[in-house]
Amino acid sequence: MGDVLIRSRQRKTGTVYEYYFEIASVDGSRKWTSKGGFKTKKEAKEAGKKAQELYEKAGQVVIPSEMSVSDFLDLWIEKDCRTDLKDVTVAGYEKKIRLYIKPKLGNYRIKAITKPILQDLIKELFNKGYSKNTISSVKGILTKSFDYAADNHFIAISPAVRLKIPINQQPETPTRYEPHIYIPSDKMKEIFNRFPPGSVSHIPLQLGYRCGLRLGEAFALTREDIDLEKQKLEVNRQVQWFQDKTRTKEKKKSENGSSKAGNGFWYFSEPKYRSYRTIDIDDELAELLRHEIEKQDKACEYYGKYYKRYFVNAPLIYGGKKPEKLPDAMNRIHPDSGAIEIHPLLIRENGEYITARTMQHTSSVIHHKLDFPEFDYHSLRHTHATMLEENGADTVFIQRRLGHVKKSTTPIYTNHLTEAMQMRGISILQNMYE
């Protein structure tokens, strides 16, 4: 091992120092590596010795990257993740990086990140009440990305080694959850008066209220999922949005109707928790759906070639049961042309697909015009479950209807005190001492 040599450089701000030492020759020619900008000879010498030692061990000089964590994570996504991960997985990584990692660490240089800094981030998420799944995902992203940084010599070693998620501790803030509510019948009547039959929001609201469907499940229904003879409805998929930053204005206009539309596209995936199921529907909902399908048939005939049509890449799953062969993780919905035509249930008169984003406007109207700020679509699911409980349905019936994997989840949805429950309790109280 040769010596680490030091030389001075004159800059406008004064004298700085640079280390340099010889590395392996290439084609018989001597090669050197160097790094400057040090304020003193001592600093340059110490840094040079460290770099030389790492070079001798690894065969390459490892100089801590000046790149920011934010820029590095963008590079990691493009160079590593996109090569062998599904788009939906990459999209999940990007979302968690944007929400949890970049706000805390993005402006730091990657060379400045230490294990205690990463452990503090994990602890902060824990204390803010984020779920174990969210924290585990963030921890996994940190581990994978910093392993890539070390493997590719951005840094000498990864700081994301043996990071721990607190277990035997209480968070400073209780675990986060959405405060979903039970919606009283008078409020539901008001909502349906504001969004009557014929409005684009009426059937989605009814599917949440009368079936307890999740938002993505309701907007993923096709006509083939409905059996009006047996009055049954199958939950075979959910619809989700994929953020696609590469879309041009032309693609936006052709797929979303406007060049100002957001980057991305809708796609089908498995139901949440793979909760495939077949549920019964009541007479009123069956009649509403029958009328809607008849109306769509007439509109299709009227519009002819101008009727909007939609397609997917792979066949859809039907049957309301978990299939032996799992469907594509991301079965993209294409307008106008594609491999397999589909027949979405929720469409406008001209066949245009009504997307789940419709409920953002609907919720805003309910919040502000109907003075009911507590409303959200998922509360329809809670309301449906609570009404079943109120009317004597068994917990296992409610569990399977809502698609809960665990029976212990269902009481969270039925833990609402309705007026009928209150009056029944008072009656019991008045008579139980006789």
Protein backbone atom coordinates (compact mmCIF):
# COMPACT_ATOMS: atom_id res chain seq x y z
CA MET A 1 0.00 0.00 0.00
CA GLY A 2 1.49 3.33 -1.07
CA ASP A 3 1.41 6.56 0.88
CA VAL A 4 -1.48 8.97 0.96
CA LEU A 5 -0.15 12.22 -0.45
CA ILE A 6 -1.39 15.75 0.24
CA ARG A 7 -1.29 18.84 -1.94
CA SER A 8 -2.67 22.33 -1.53
CA ARG A 9 -5.02 24.22 -3.82
CA GLN A 10 -5.52 27.97 -3.94
CA ARG A 11 -9.08 29.21 -4.14
CA LYS A 12 -10.67 32.62 -3.75
CA THR A 13 -11.71 31.70 -0.24
CA GLY A 14 -8.21 30.61 0.68
CA THR A 15 -6.08 27.48 0.72
CA VAL A 16 -7.69 24.03 0.71
CA TYR A 17 -6.08 20.59 0.72
CA GLU A 18 -6.52 17.47 -1.38
CA TYR A 19 -5.50 13.87 -0.79
CA TYR A 20 -4.47 11.49 -3.55
CA PHE A 21 -3.06 7.98 -3.76
CA GLU A 22 -2.29 5.38 -6.37
CA ILE A 23 -4.82 2.71 -7.30
CA ALA A 24 -4.65 -0.27 -9.65
CA SER A 25 -3.10 0.41 -13.03
CA VAL A 26 -5.19 -0.01 -16.19
CA ASP A 27 -3.54 -1.25 -19.41
CA GLY A 28 -0.14 -0.67 -17.80
CA SER A 29 -0.87 2.98 -17.01
CA ARG A 30 -0.65 4.27 -13.45
CA LYS A 31 -3.96 5.51 -12.01
CA TRP A 32 -4.63 7.83 -9.10
CA THR A 33 -7.70 8.87 -7.16
CA SER A 34 -8.17 12.09 -5.23
CA LYS A 35 -10.60 14.27 -3.33
CA GLY A 36 -10.17 17.87 -2.27
CA GLY A 37 -11.83 20.68 -0.40
CA PHE A 38 -10.41 19.97 3.07
CA LYS A 39 -9.61 22.93 5.32
CA THR A 40 -6.43 21.45 6.85
CA LYS A 41 -3.73 18.97 5.94
CA LYS A 42 -4.77 16.83 8.91
CA GLU A 43 -8.37 16.54 7.69
CA ALA A 44 -7.21 15.64 4.20
CA LYS A 45 -4.75 13.04 5.53
CA GLU A 46 -7.34 11.35 7.75
CA ALA A 47 -9.92 11.23 4.99
CA GLY A 48 -7.35 9.92 2.54
CA LYS A 49 -6.26 7.09 4.85
CA LYS A 50 -9.88 6.07 5.36
CA ALA A 51 -10.59 6.11 1.64
CA GLN A 52 -7.42 4.15 0.90
CA GLU A 53 -8.28 1.54 3.54
CA LEU A 54 -11.75 1.08 2.07
CA TYR A 55 -10.26 0.86 -1.39
CA GLU A 56 -7.86 -1.89 -0.39
CA LYS A 57 -10.71 -3.88 1.20
CA ALA A 58 -13.33 -3.41 -1.50
CA GLY A 59 -11.29 -2.81 -4.63
CA GLN A 60 -12.87 0.62 -5.13
CA VAL A 61 -12.62 3.98 -3.44
CA VAL A 62 -15.75 4.62 -1.41
CA ILE A 63 -16.39 8.34 -1.09
CA PRO A 64 -19.61 9.29 0.73
CA SER A 65 -22.11 10.63 -1.75
CA GLU A 66 -23.00 14.31 -1.76
CA MET A 67 -26.41 13.34 -3.14
CA SER A 68 -29.46 14.18 -1.05
CA VAL A 69 -31.57 11.36 0.37
CA SER A 70 -34.46 12.65 -1.74
CA ASP A 71 -32.50 12.41 -5.00
CA PHE A 72 -31.02 9.06 -4.01
CA LEU A 73 -34.44 7.51 -3.34
CA ASP A 74 -35.66 8.73 -6.73
CA LEU A 75 -32.62 7.10 -8.32
CA TRP A 76 -33.16 3.87 -6.36
CA ILE A 77 -36.76 3.66 -7.56
CA GLU A 78 -35.75 4.13 -11.21
CA LYS A 79 -32.55 2.07 -11.33
CA ASP A 80 -33.42 -0.77 -8.98
CA CYS A 81 -37.12 -1.08 -8.15
CA ARG A 82 -38.53 -0.64 -11.65
CA THR A 83 -36.31 -3.40 -13.05
CA ASP A 84 -38.00 -6.31 -11.28
CA LEU A 85 -40.98 -5.08 -9.25
CA LYS A 86 -44.58 -4.72 -10.36
CA ASP A 87 -45.86 -1.22 -11.02
CA VAL A 88 -48.32 -1.44 -8.15
CA THR A 89 -45.47 -2.29 -5.74
CA VAL A 90 -43.35 0.59 -7.00
CA ALA A 91 -46.32 2.94 -6.63
CA GLY A 92 -46.68 1.82 -3.01
CA TYR A 93 -43.00 2.50 -2.35
CA GLU A 94 -43.23 5.95 -3.91
CA LYS A 95 -46.25 6.85 -1.80
CA LYS A 96 -44.59 5.88 1.48
CA ILE A 97 -41.35 7.63 0.51
CA ARG A 98 -43.32 10.80 -0.30
CA LEU A 99 -45.42 10.73 2.87
CA TYR A 100 -43.05 9.42 5.54
CA ILE A 101 -39.39 9.45 4.50
CA LYS A 102 -38.73 12.52 2.36
CA PRO A 103 -40.38 15.03 4.75
CA LYS A 104 -38.05 13.87 7.52
CA LEU A 105 -34.82 12.92 5.72
CA GLY A 106 -35.08 14.18 2.14
CA ASN A 107 -32.92 17.29 2.51
CA TYR A 108 -30.01 15.50 4.22
CA ARG A 109 -27.01 14.22 2.28
CA ILE A 110 -27.01 10.46 2.15
CA LYS A 111 -23.56 10.36 3.77
CA ALA A 112 -24.98 12.05 6.88
CA ILE A 113 -27.57 9.37 7.61
CA THR A 114 -26.80 7.13 10.59
CA LYS A 115 -28.61 4.24 12.21
CA PRO A 116 -29.82 6.39 15.15
CA ILE A 117 -31.40 8.84 12.67
CA LEU A 118 -33.30 6.02 10.96
CA GLN A 119 -34.28 4.47 14.28
CA ASP A 120 -35.59 7.86 15.42
CA LEU A 121 -37.78 8.00 12.30
CA ILE A 122 -39.24 4.57 13.12
CA LYS A 123 -39.84 5.63 16.71
CA GLU A 124 -41.48 8.89 15.61
CA LEU A 125 -43.93 7.05 13.34
CA PHE A 126 -44.71 4.68 16.21
CA ASN A 127 -45.34 7.53 18.65
CA LYS A 128 -47.58 9.30 16.15
CA GLY A 129 -49.84 6.26 16.11
CA TYR A 130 -49.14 4.87 12.65
CA SER A 131 -50.09 1.23 12.17
CA LYS A 132 -47.59 -1.60 12.44
CA ASN A 133 -48.07 -2.37 8.74
CA THR A 134 -47.17 1.19 7.75
CA ILE A 135 -44.09 1.23 9.99
CA SER A 136 -42.97 -2.20 8.73
CA SER A 137 -43.28 -0.99 5.14
CA VAL A 138 -41.20 2.12 5.84
CA LYS A 139 -38.59 0.01 7.63
CA GLY A 140 -38.42 -2.34 4.62
CA ILE A 141 -37.93 0.56 2.21
CA LEU A 142 -35.13 2.00 4.33
CA THR A 143 -33.39 -1.37 4.53
CA LYS A 144 -33.63 -2.13 0.81
CA SER A 145 -32.66 1.34 -0.38
CA PHE A 146 -29.64 1.74 1.90
CA ASP A 147 -28.48 -1.80 1.07
CA TYR A 148 -28.52 -0.67 -2.57
CA ALA A 149 -26.56 2.46 -1.61
CA ALA A 150 -23.86 0.37 0.07
CA ASP A 151 -23.76 -2.26 -2.71
CA ASN A 152 -23.25 0.47 -5.28
CA HIS A 153 -20.69 2.42 -3.23
CA PHE A 154 -22.74 5.52 -2.54
CA ILE A 155 -21.84 4.87 1.10
CA ALA A 156 -19.41 2.52 2.80
CA ILE A 157 -21.93 0.55 4.84
CA SER A 158 -25.69 0.65 5.25
CA PRO A 159 -26.99 2.45 8.36
CA ALA A 160 -30.33 0.58 8.07
CA VAL A 161 -29.12 -2.52 9.88
CA ARG A 162 -31.30 -4.27 12.46
CA LEU A 163 -33.74 -1.39 12.80
CA LYS A 164 -36.35 -2.20 15.43
CA ILE A 165 -40.07 -1.53 15.64
CA PRO A 166 -41.13 -0.88 19.26
CA ILE A 167 -43.21 -3.74 20.62
CA ASN A 168 -43.43 -3.62 24.40
CA GLN A 169 -44.18 0.10 24.51
CA GLN A 170 -47.22 2.34 24.30
CA PRO A 171 -47.22 5.02 21.57
CA GLU A 172 -47.59 8.62 22.66
CA THR A 173 -50.60 8.86 20.31
CA PRO A 174 -53.09 5.98 19.97
CA THR A 175 -52.90 4.01 16.73
CA ARG A 176 -54.47 6.02 13.94
CA TYR A 177 -57.86 5.11 12.55
CA GLU A 178 -60.59 6.87 10.61
CA PRO A 179 -63.45 7.95 12.92
CA HIS A 180 -66.24 6.36 10.89
CA ILE A 181 -69.77 6.90 12.14
CA TYR A 182 -73.29 5.50 12.09
CA ILE A 183 -75.55 7.58 9.85
CA PRO A 184 -79.10 8.00 11.24
CA SER A 185 -82.06 7.22 8.97
CA ASP A 186 -83.16 10.87 8.77
CA LYS A 187 -79.71 11.85 7.48
CA MET A 188 -79.72 9.01 4.95
CA LYS A 189 -83.13 10.20 3.71
CA GLU A 190 -81.70 13.70 3.32
CA ILE A 191 -78.69 12.36 1.42
CA PHE A 192 -80.85 10.33 -0.98
CA ASN A 193 -83.14 13.31 -1.54
CA ARG A 194 -80.07 15.32 -2.58
CA PHE A 195 -78.78 12.46 -4.79
CA PRO A 196 -81.97 10.84 -6.11
CA PRO A 197 -82.34 8.02 -8.66
CA GLY A 198 -80.77 9.13 -11.92
CA SER A 199 -77.89 11.05 -10.32
CA VAL A 200 -74.43 9.53 -10.78
CA SER A 201 -73.99 9.17 -7.00
CA HIS A 202 -77.28 7.43 -6.20
CA ILE A 203 -76.37 3.81 -6.95
CA PRO A 204 -72.86 4.01 -5.39
CA LEU A 205 -74.45 5.40 -2.21
CA GLN A 206 -77.04 2.61 -2.23
CA LEU A 207 -74.33 -0.06 -2.67
CA GLY A 208 -72.54 1.24 0.42
CA TYR A 209 -75.75 1.62 2.43
CA ARG A 210 -77.54 -1.61 1.43
CA CYS A 211 -74.57 -3.94 0.82
CA GLY A 212 -71.77 -2.54 2.99
CA LEU A 213 -69.37 -2.49 0.03
CA ARG A 214 -66.04 -0.75 0.23
CA LEU A 215 -65.60 2.19 -2.14
CA GLY A 216 -63.26 0.34 -4.51
CA GLU A 217 -65.53 -2.71 -4.54
CA ALA A 218 -68.62 -0.69 -5.48
CA PHE A 219 -66.90 1.06 -8.39
CA ALA A 220 -65.37 -2.22 -9.64
CA LEU A 221 -68.71 -3.94 -10.20
CA THR A 222 -69.64 -5.09 -13.69
CA ARG A 223 -73.08 -6.16 -14.85
CA GLU A 224 -71.87 -9.77 -14.82
CA ASP A 225 -71.37 -9.53 -11.05
CA ILE A 226 -75.12 -9.04 -10.57
CA ASP A 227 -77.64 -11.94 -10.59
CA LEU A 228 -81.06 -10.32 -10.53
CA GLU A 229 -82.90 -13.66 -10.69
CA LYS A 230 -81.31 -14.93 -7.49
CA GLN A 231 -80.91 -11.38 -6.10
CA LYS A 232 -77.22 -11.85 -5.41
CA LEU A 233 -74.14 -9.69 -5.92
CA GLU A 234 -70.56 -10.92 -6.26
CA VAL A 235 -67.51 -9.06 -4.97
CA ASN A 236 -64.70 -10.21 -7.25
CA ARG A 237 -62.34 -7.21 -7.37
CA GLN A 238 -61.68 -3.61 -6.42
CA VAL A 239 -60.70 -0.65 -8.56
CA GLN A 240 -57.64 1.48 -7.79
CA TRP A 241 -55.80 4.44 -9.27
CA PHE A 242 -52.20 4.17 -10.48
CA GLN A 243 -50.09 7.32 -10.60
CA ASP A 244 -48.34 7.31 -13.98
CA LYS A 245 -45.95 10.25 -14.35
CA THR A 246 -45.10 9.41 -17.96
CA ARG A 247 -48.49 10.18 -19.52
CA THR A 248 -48.62 12.85 -22.20
CA LYS A 249 -51.36 15.45 -22.61
CA GLU A 250 -52.69 13.43 -25.56
CA LYS A 251 -53.00 10.28 -23.43
CA LYS A 252 -54.70 12.20 -20.65
CA LYS A 253 -57.25 13.62 -23.05
CA SER A 254 -57.98 10.27 -24.71
CA GLU A 255 -58.23 8.31 -21.45
CA ASN A 256 -59.68 10.85 -19.03
CA GLY A 257 -61.45 13.26 -21.34
CA SER A 258 -59.20 16.23 -20.56
CA SER A 259 -55.54 17.11 -21.01
CA LYS A 260 -55.68 18.59 -17.50
CA ALA A 261 -56.60 15.25 -15.95
CA GLY A 262 -54.24 13.73 -13.41
CA ASN A 263 -51.37 11.48 -14.40
CA GLY A 264 -52.44 7.88 -14.09
CA PHE A 265 -55.09 5.29 -14.89
CA TRP A 266 -57.66 3.04 -13.22
CA TYR A 267 -57.06 -0.68 -12.83
CA PHE A 268 -58.68 -3.74 -11.25
CA SER A 269 -57.00 -5.76 -8.52
CA GLU A 270 -58.08 -8.36 -5.98
CA PRO A 271 -60.57 -7.29 -3.30
CA LYS A 272 -58.97 -5.97 -0.13
CA TYR A 273 -57.72 -8.88 2.00
CA ARG A 274 -58.83 -11.15 -0.90
CA SER A 275 -62.35 -10.93 0.48
CA TYR A 276 -64.12 -12.52 -2.50
CA ARG A 277 -67.76 -13.11 -1.57
CA THR A 278 -71.34 -13.43 -2.77
CA ILE A 279 -74.00 -11.51 -0.87
CA ASP A 280 -77.78 -11.24 -1.01
CA ILE A 281 -79.44 -8.01 -2.07
CA ASP A 282 -82.85 -6.77 -0.94
CA ASP A 283 -85.88 -6.31 -3.18
CA GLU A 284 -85.58 -2.54 -3.47
CA LEU A 285 -81.93 -2.61 -4.54
CA ALA A 286 -82.64 -5.44 -6.98
CA GLU A 287 -85.39 -3.39 -8.60
CA LEU A 288 -83.13 -0.32 -8.75
CA LEU A 289 -80.37 -2.32 -10.49
CA ARG A 290 -82.84 -3.96 -12.87
CA HIS A 291 -84.12 -0.55 -13.95
CA GLU A 292 -80.55 0.74 -14.36
CA ILE A 293 -79.47 -2.17 -16.57
CA GLU A 294 -82.58 -1.83 -18.75
CA LYS A 295 -81.84 1.88 -19.12
CA GLN A 296 -78.24 1.13 -20.13
CA ASP A 297 -79.39 -1.34 -22.80
CA LYS A 298 -81.64 1.29 -24.37
CA ALA A 299 -78.89 3.94 -24.22
CA CYS A 300 -76.39 1.60 -25.85
CA GLU A 301 -78.78 1.00 -28.73
CA TYR A 302 -79.51 4.71 -29.06
CA TYR A 303 -75.87 5.90 -29.07
CA GLY A 304 -74.62 3.02 -31.24
CA LYS A 305 -70.98 3.47 -32.23
CA TYR A 306 -70.74 6.59 -30.06
CA TYR A 307 -71.45 4.60 -26.90
CA LYS A 308 -68.36 4.55 -24.68
CA ARG A 309 -66.80 1.11 -24.23
CA TYR A 310 -64.09 -0.21 -21.91
CA PHE A 311 -61.59 -3.05 -22.04
CA VAL A 312 -59.01 -4.84 -19.85
CA ASN A 313 -55.83 -6.77 -20.58
CA ALA A 314 -56.75 -10.01 -18.77
CA PRO A 315 -60.05 -11.85 -18.17
CA LEU A 316 -61.97 -10.80 -15.07
CA ILE A 317 -62.62 -13.22 -12.23
CA TYR A 318 -66.23 -14.19 -11.50
CA GLY A 319 -67.91 -16.49 -8.97
CA GLY A 320 -67.50 -14.60 -5.70
CA LYS A 321 -64.86 -17.08 -4.51
CA LYS A 322 -61.09 -16.92 -4.24
CA PRO A 323 -59.78 -18.42 -7.50
CA GLU A 324 -57.13 -21.12 -7.67
CA LYS A 325 -55.12 -18.95 -10.04
CA LEU A 326 -54.87 -15.41 -8.74
CA PRO A 327 -55.64 -12.59 -11.21
CA ASP A 328 -53.17 -9.98 -12.43
CA ALA A 329 -52.16 -7.56 -9.68
CA MET A 330 -52.87 -4.66 -12.05
CA ASN A 331 -55.48 -5.27 -14.76
CA ARG A 332 -55.63 -1.90 -16.46
CA ILE A 333 -58.90 -0.42 -17.70
CA HIS A 334 -58.62 0.89 -21.28
CA PRO A 335 -61.19 3.11 -23.02
CA ASP A 336 -62.36 2.36 -26.57
CA SER A 337 -60.11 -0.60 -27.41
CA GLY A 338 -58.32 -3.53 -25.83
CA ALA A 339 -58.16 -7.30 -25.44
CA ILE A 340 -61.36 -8.02 -23.47
CA GLU A 341 -64.47 -5.84 -23.29
CA ILE A 342 -66.04 -5.24 -19.88
CA HIS A 343 -69.41 -3.81 -18.83
CA PRO A 344 -69.02 -1.54 -15.78
CA LEU A 345 -72.20 -1.19 -13.73
CA LEU A 346 -71.59 2.45 -12.83
CA ILE A 347 -71.71 4.43 -16.06
CA ARG A 348 -73.26 7.62 -17.45
CA GLU A 349 -75.95 7.68 -20.13
CA ASN A 350 -73.37 7.56 -22.97
CA GLY A 351 -71.52 4.62 -21.37
CA GLU A 352 -68.75 6.71 -19.79
CA TYR A 353 -67.34 5.05 -16.67
CA ILE A 354 -68.17 6.80 -13.40
CA THR A 355 -64.98 6.72 -11.33
CA ALA A 356 -64.61 6.53 -7.57
CA ARG A 357 -63.52 10.17 -7.54
CA THR A 358 -67.18 11.08 -7.99
CA MET A 359 -67.56 10.47 -4.26
CA GLN A 360 -65.16 13.33 -3.47
CA HIS A 361 -67.66 15.81 -4.89
CA THR A 362 -70.57 13.91 -3.31
CA SER A 363 -68.92 13.99 0.11
CA SER A 364 -68.16 17.71 -0.26
CA VAL A 365 -71.84 18.43 -0.96
CA ILE A 366 -72.91 16.36 2.04
CA HIS A 367 -70.34 18.08 4.25
CA HIS A 368 -71.19 21.65 3.27
CA LYS A 369 -74.66 21.75 1.68
CA LEU A 370 -76.26 19.19 3.98
CA ASP A 371 -74.21 20.31 7.01
CA PHE A 372 -72.95 16.79 7.77
CA PRO A 373 -69.13 17.05 7.94
CA GLU A 374 -68.75 13.63 9.63
CA PHE A 375 -69.82 11.77 6.50
CA ASP A 376 -67.48 9.58 4.49
CA TYR A 377 -68.23 6.64 2.19
CA HIS A 378 -66.85 4.07 4.62
CA SER A 379 -69.40 5.19 7.20
CA LEU A 380 -72.08 3.70 4.94
CA ARG A 381 -70.38 0.36 5.58
CA HIS A 382 -70.48 0.95 9.34
CA THR A 383 -74.12 1.98 9.09
CA HIS A 384 -75.06 -1.16 7.15
CA ALA A 385 -73.32 -3.41 9.68
CA THR A 386 -74.89 -1.60 12.63
CA MET A 387 -78.39 -1.86 11.13
CA LEU A 388 -77.91 -5.61 10.70
CA GLU A 389 -76.80 -5.88 14.34
CA GLU A 390 -79.70 -3.70 15.45
CA ASN A 391 -82.16 -6.01 13.72
CA GLY A 392 -80.74 -9.21 15.18
CA ALA A 393 -78.37 -10.53 12.48
CA ASP A 394 -75.69 -12.92 13.73
CA THR A 395 -72.12 -11.61 13.89
CA VAL A 396 -70.86 -14.33 11.53
CA PHE A 397 -73.45 -13.26 8.92
CA ILE A 398 -72.28 -9.63 9.16
CA GLN A 399 -68.63 -10.70 9.09
CA ARG A 400 -68.99 -12.68 5.87
CA ARG A 401 -71.21 -10.08 4.24
CA LEU A 402 -68.64 -7.34 4.85
CA GLY A 403 -65.71 -9.58 3.92
CA HIS A 404 -63.88 -9.36 7.23
CA VAL A 405 -61.03 -11.87 7.51
CA LYS A 406 -61.25 -11.91 11.31
CA LYS A 407 -64.45 -12.15 13.32
CA SER A 408 -62.91 -9.74 15.84
CA THR A 409 -63.01 -6.96 13.23
CA THR A 410 -66.79 -6.96 12.87
CA PRO A 411 -67.64 -5.52 16.34
CA ILE A 412 -65.68 -2.38 15.38
CA TYR A 413 -68.27 -1.81 12.66
CA THR A 414 -71.27 -2.54 14.85
CA ASN A 415 -70.06 -0.62 17.91
CA HIS A 416 -72.47 2.27 17.36
CA LEU A 417 -75.36 3.06 19.71
CA THR A 418 -78.47 3.72 17.60
CA GLU A 419 -81.69 5.30 18.82
CA ALA A 420 -83.48 1.93 18.62
CA MET A 421 -80.76 0.28 20.71
CA GLN A 422 -81.01 3.12 23.25
CA MET A 423 -84.80 2.78 23.59
CA ARG A 424 -84.59 -1.01 23.84
CA GLY A 425 -81.99 -0.67 26.58
CA ILE A 426 -84.16 1.78 28.53
CA SER A 427 -87.14 -0.58 28.25
CA ILE A 428 -85.05 -3.45 29.58
CA LEU A 429 -83.81 -1.25 32.42
CA GLN A 430 -87.35 -0.28 33.42
CA ASN A 431 -88.58 -3.88 33.54
CA MET A 432 -85.64 -5.99 34.70
CA TYR A 433 -86.23 -5.38 38.44
CA GLU A 434 -89.90 -6.40 38.45
